[in-house]
């Protein structure tokens, strides 16, 4: 058996106001907002060569091989841009998944990029994350077939995903169905979501799976704990903002009882102080510094 019996579609909306977004989707289910960020200058300007032109010698840490194994290598942006171009043009090949610029805070590393992200939909974030939103995004830059296997976000945060260039296919499993996903090391799944072996992993056929293709100018929301498998269909530039509201922050504290690594409790405690107790980011920022540069 090689197919999931219950694959649905992610809800698609053109745009959402904050009230409707929170009422219908936050803490409930994913939603794809088609063209919601198409007016940002980045959508028409950014490419891998463009990023490289701003900081050609910037060292960036790339994930290599199967991402769950955590192997990395450091190249310059120029080296990575040349590699992506060679791969797309067929001048080089890779055995397995290509190196992937994954989980890097490029807005802090290349501040000039911030001007291209306007108007930013800050109304979708709680106040703690809203005022200095550019400190929280993590970037994903890679060639076709760059892939992140089925997993959920380590702090059990909400995920707002911005597709700036290219397209990606998402397979998303409802958080409540984690029990069917054969997880290990807290957040990774043994399931090959694109070609699941239901003889080996029979419980997975009970999982509710949704599919969508996120294209240039689209915005995707996923609720806390949603497992997702992501494959780049083209050369792609994306970033996401992981964020807590009061409900998810409290769940994030309790998650340590369900297998979350104790080291992650520190970050969730800091976010809970910000979101639930109103401690401002300027006070918590020194303790969060390692989070902003955290490659999961």
Foldseek 3Di string as FASTA:
>chain_A
DWDFPAEAAAAEAQDDAQVRCCVPPAQHFKYKHPLHQVPFQLLVDDDLVVLCVQFVQQKAWWQDAQPVVPDIDIDGSVVQSVVQVCVVVVVDDDDHAHTKRWFALVCVVRVVCVNRRPPPPLSNAPPQCRPPVSLFKGKIFHFFFHKHAWWFDQLLFKKKKAWRAAKKKKKKWDLVLVVQFCDDPRIHGPARNVTGDCVVRVSVSVINIYIDMHHHSMIMIGGGRIIMIMGTRGGTMMMMGTAHALVSLVVSCVCVVVPRDPVSNQVSVLRNCCRVVVDHCVVCVVVCVCVSGDDD
